[in-house]
């Protein structure tokens, strides 16, 4: 820094750095090939497949949201909200849905309810 003016002094670059570019700003071909060689030596190899081959999600909602995100990013339209707000069978009927006992209650026994289990008394307190 120059003390009298308070401004930093710019030092001229060595001749080798000045010749790295031509007047139009293009990189010298020899220097460009050397930089590419250095870059190839220092970077790890990339896998050949740039895209995912298939869906890795077993969750339908995750797959739907992913497809909607890609659609929104590529087309600029957000249709995921409208698609997710349409009526589905689970929404029909409100809090009380009439169904048969055969559909609602299990029959038989399973690992948590074996046939040899003793019946506990009904709590009265």
C-alpha atoms as a PDB file:
ATOM      1  CA  UNK A   1       0.000   0.000   0.000  1.00  0.00           C
ATOM      2  CA  UNK A   2       1.302   3.391  -0.896  1.00  0.00           C
ATOM      3  CA  UNK A   3       1.433   5.490   2.264  1.00  0.00           C
ATOM      4  CA  UNK A   4       1.159   8.877   0.577  1.00  0.00           C
ATOM      5  CA  UNK A   5      -1.999   8.186  -1.431  1.00  0.00           C
ATOM      6  CA  UNK A   6      -3.614   5.489   0.728  1.00  0.00           C
ATOM      7  CA  UNK A   7      -4.260   3.328  -2.325  1.00  0.00           C
ATOM      8  CA  UNK A   8      -2.982  -0.167  -2.962  1.00  0.00           C
ATOM      9  CA  UNK A   9      -0.256  -0.432  -5.576  1.00  0.00           C
ATOM     10  CA  UNK A  10      -1.039  -2.891  -8.354  1.00  0.00           C
ATOM     11  CA  UNK A  11       1.960  -4.922  -9.303  1.00  0.00           C
ATOM     12  CA  UNK A  12       2.379  -5.963 -12.870  1.00  0.00           C
ATOM     13  CA  UNK A  13       1.878  -9.661 -13.470  1.00  0.00           C
ATOM     14  CA  UNK A  14       4.871 -11.677 -14.669  1.00  0.00           C
ATOM     15  CA  UNK A  15       5.184 -12.254 -18.423  1.00  0.00           C
ATOM     16  CA  UNK A  16       3.972 -15.869 -18.166  1.00  0.00           C
ATOM     17  CA  UNK A  17       0.663 -14.747 -16.623  1.00  0.00           C
ATOM     18  CA  UNK A  18       0.175 -12.001 -19.193  1.00  0.00           C
ATOM     19  CA  UNK A  19       0.458 -14.471 -22.048  1.00  0.00           C
ATOM     20  CA  UNK A  20      -2.174 -16.836 -20.561  1.00  0.00           C
ATOM     21  CA  UNK A  21      -4.909 -14.855 -22.345  1.00  0.00           C
ATOM     22  CA  UNK A  22      -5.002 -13.149 -25.715  1.00  0.00           C
ATOM     23  CA  UNK A  23      -6.512  -9.707 -26.316  1.00  0.00           C
ATOM     24  CA  UNK A  24      -9.989 -11.149 -26.786  1.00  0.00           C
ATOM     25  CA  UNK A  25      -9.825 -12.886 -23.397  1.00  0.00           C
ATOM     26  CA  UNK A  26      -9.331 -16.406 -24.766  1.00  0.00           C
ATOM     27  CA  UNK A  27      -7.157 -18.797 -22.787  1.00  0.00           C
ATOM     28  CA  UNK A  28      -3.902 -19.925 -24.386  1.00  0.00           C
ATOM     29  CA  UNK A  29      -4.499 -23.473 -25.821  1.00  0.00           C
ATOM     30  CA  UNK A  30      -1.345 -24.904 -24.187  1.00  0.00           C
ATOM     31  CA  UNK A  31      -2.364 -23.497 -20.817  1.00  0.00           C
ATOM     32  CA  UNK A  32      -5.940 -24.755 -21.254  1.00  0.00           C
ATOM     33  CA  UNK A  33      -4.778 -28.307 -21.989  1.00  0.00           C
ATOM     34  CA  UNK A  34      -2.432 -28.213 -18.972  1.00  0.00           C
ATOM     35  CA  UNK A  35      -5.258 -27.042 -16.710  1.00  0.00           C
ATOM     36  CA  UNK A  36      -7.493 -29.835 -18.015  1.00  0.00           C
ATOM     37  CA  UNK A  37      -4.765 -32.383 -17.249  1.00  0.00           C
ATOM     38  CA  UNK A  38      -4.400 -31.054 -13.705  1.00  0.00           C
ATOM     39  CA  UNK A  39      -8.157 -31.134 -13.240  1.00  0.00           C
ATOM     40  CA  UNK A  40      -8.427 -34.718 -14.474  1.00  0.00           C
ATOM     41  CA  UNK A  41      -5.699 -35.819 -12.053  1.00  0.00           C
ATOM     42  CA  UNK A  42      -7.307 -34.260  -8.989  1.00  0.00           C
ATOM     43  CA  UNK A  43     -10.971 -35.157  -9.502  1.00  0.00           C
ATOM     44  CA  UNK A  44     -12.471 -38.510  -8.608  1.00  0.00           C
ATOM     45  CA  UNK A  45     -14.132 -40.328 -11.509  1.00  0.00           C
ATOM     46  CA  UNK A  46     -17.874 -39.822 -11.815  1.00  0.00           C
ATOM     47  CA  UNK A  47     -20.326 -42.649 -12.360  1.00  0.00           C
ATOM     48  CA  UNK A  48     -21.463 -43.065 -15.961  1.00  0.00           C
ATOM     49  CA  UNK A  49     -25.191 -42.856 -15.203  1.00  0.00           C
ATOM     50  CA  UNK A  50     -26.271 -39.244 -14.740  1.00  0.00           C
ATOM     51  CA  UNK A  51     -29.943 -40.030 -14.058  1.00  0.00           C
ATOM     52  CA  UNK A  52     -31.730 -42.316 -11.614  1.00  0.00           C
ATOM     53  CA  UNK A  53     -32.670 -45.545 -13.378  1.00  0.00           C
ATOM     54  CA  UNK A  54     -35.893 -46.144 -11.458  1.00  0.00           C
ATOM     55  CA  UNK A  55     -37.915 -45.092  -8.460  1.00  0.00           C
ATOM     56  CA  UNK A  56     -36.235 -45.779  -5.136  1.00  0.00           C
ATOM     57  CA  UNK A  57     -39.318 -44.887  -3.072  1.00  0.00           C
ATOM     58  CA  UNK A  58     -41.857 -47.414  -1.897  1.00  0.00           C
ATOM     59  CA  UNK A  59     -44.051 -44.570  -0.668  1.00  0.00           C
ATOM     60  CA  UNK A  60     -46.686 -43.443  -3.170  1.00  0.00           C
ATOM     61  CA  UNK A  61     -46.954 -39.966  -1.621  1.00  0.00           C
ATOM     62  CA  UNK A  62     -43.179 -39.431  -1.816  1.00  0.00           C
ATOM     63  CA  UNK A  63     -43.186 -40.502  -5.462  1.00  0.00           C
ATOM     64  CA  UNK A  64     -46.127 -38.215  -6.252  1.00  0.00           C
ATOM     65  CA  UNK A  65     -44.454 -35.237  -4.543  1.00  0.00           C
ATOM     66  CA  UNK A  66     -41.186 -35.925  -6.369  1.00  0.00           C
ATOM     67  CA  UNK A  67     -42.894 -36.105  -9.745  1.00  0.00           C
ATOM     68  CA  UNK A  68     -44.799 -32.912  -8.933  1.00  0.00           C
ATOM     69  CA  UNK A  69     -41.578 -31.123  -7.992  1.00  0.00           C
ATOM     70  CA  UNK A  70     -39.941 -32.111 -11.280  1.00  0.00           C
ATOM     71  CA  UNK A  71     -43.057 -31.017 -13.192  1.00  0.00           C
ATOM     72  CA  UNK A  72     -43.118 -27.670 -11.381  1.00  0.00           C
ATOM     73  CA  UNK A  73     -39.406 -27.077 -11.989  1.00  0.00           C
ATOM     74  CA  UNK A  74     -39.523 -27.922 -15.682  1.00  0.00           C
ATOM     75  CA  UNK A  75     -42.860 -26.380 -16.678  1.00  0.00           C
ATOM     76  CA  UNK A  76     -43.309 -23.568 -14.154  1.00  0.00           C
ATOM     77  CA  UNK A  77     -46.800 -24.791 -13.235  1.00  0.00           C
ATOM     78  CA  UNK A  78     -47.622 -26.024  -9.747  1.00  0.00           C
ATOM     79  CA  UNK A  79     -50.341 -28.656 -10.086  1.00  0.00           C
ATOM     80  CA  UNK A  80     -49.383 -30.754  -7.056  1.00  0.00           C
ATOM     81  CA  UNK A  81     -51.710 -28.848  -4.726  1.00  0.00           C
ATOM     82  CA  UNK A  82     -54.708 -29.355  -6.983  1.00  0.00           C
ATOM     83  CA  UNK A  83     -53.855 -33.031  -7.488  1.00  0.00           C
ATOM     84  CA  UNK A  84     -53.533 -33.684  -3.760  1.00  0.00           C
ATOM     85  CA  UNK A  85     -56.797 -31.904  -2.919  1.00  0.00           C
ATOM     86  CA  UNK A  86     -59.110 -34.065  -5.028  1.00  0.00           C
ATOM     87  CA  UNK A  87     -61.563 -36.445  -3.306  1.00  0.00           C
ATOM     88  CA  UNK A  88     -60.377 -39.909  -2.396  1.00  0.00           C
ATOM     89  CA  UNK A  89     -62.308 -42.882  -1.049  1.00  0.00           C
ATOM     90  CA  UNK A  90     -60.828 -42.495   2.446  1.00  0.00           C
ATOM     91  CA  UNK A  91     -62.459 -39.058   2.782  1.00  0.00           C
ATOM     92  CA  UNK A  92     -66.001 -40.254   2.114  1.00  0.00           C
ATOM     93  CA  UNK A  93     -68.407 -40.788   4.989  1.00  0.00           C
ATOM     94  CA  UNK A  94     -67.198 -38.543   7.792  1.00  0.00           C
ATOM     95  CA  UNK A  95     -66.198 -39.767  11.247  1.00  0.00           C
ATOM     96  CA  UNK A  96     -68.815 -42.553  11.424  1.00  0.00           C
ATOM     97  CA  UNK A  97     -68.925 -45.039   8.607  1.00  0.00           C
ATOM     98  CA  UNK A  98     -71.339 -47.942   8.739  1.00  0.00           C
ATOM     99  CA  UNK A  99     -69.708 -51.279   8.099  1.00  0.00           C
ATOM    100  CA  UNK A 100     -70.236 -54.882   9.116  1.00  0.00           C
ATOM    101  CA  UNK A 101     -68.676 -56.474  12.189  1.00  0.00           C
ATOM    102  CA  UNK A 102     -66.874 -59.000   9.979  1.00  0.00           C
ATOM    103  CA  UNK A 103     -64.980 -56.152   8.360  1.00  0.00           C
ATOM    104  CA  UNK A 104     -64.142 -54.360  11.637  1.00  0.00           C
ATOM    105  CA  UNK A 105     -63.358 -57.175  14.123  1.00  0.00           C
ATOM    106  CA  UNK A 106     -60.745 -59.863  13.807  1.00  0.00           C
ATOM    107  CA  UNK A 107     -61.693 -63.491  14.017  1.00  0.00           C
ATOM    108  CA  UNK A 108     -59.553 -66.238  15.504  1.00  0.00           C
ATOM    109  CA  UNK A 109     -56.287 -65.796  17.376  1.00  0.00           C
ATOM    110  CA  UNK A 110     -52.849 -64.433  16.652  1.00  0.00           C
ATOM    111  CA  UNK A 111     -49.447 -64.288  18.433  1.00  0.00           C
ATOM    112  CA  UNK A 112     -50.671 -61.655  20.915  1.00  0.00           C
ATOM    113  CA  UNK A 113     -53.936 -63.502  21.670  1.00  0.00           C
ATOM    114  CA  UNK A 114     -53.171 -67.205  22.004  1.00  0.00           C
ATOM    115  CA  UNK A 115     -55.858 -69.788  22.747  1.00  0.00           C
ATOM    116  CA  UNK A 116     -54.201 -70.870  26.057  1.00  0.00           C
ATOM    117  CA  UNK A 117     -54.273 -67.342  27.555  1.00  0.00           C
ATOM    118  CA  UNK A 118     -56.275 -66.756  30.734  1.00  0.00           C
ATOM    119  CA  UNK A 119     -59.003 -64.165  30.651  1.00  0.00           C
ATOM    120  CA  UNK A 120     -58.397 -61.188  32.922  1.00  0.00           C
ATOM    121  CA  UNK A 121     -61.300 -59.944  35.095  1.00  0.00           C
ATOM    122  CA  UNK A 122     -63.142 -56.873  33.941  1.00  0.00           C
ATOM    123  CA  UNK A 123     -61.935 -53.806  35.900  1.00  0.00           C
ATOM    124  CA  UNK A 124     -64.595 -52.270  38.120  1.00  0.00           C
ATOM    125  CA  UNK A 125     -62.706 -49.284  39.484  1.00  0.00           C
END
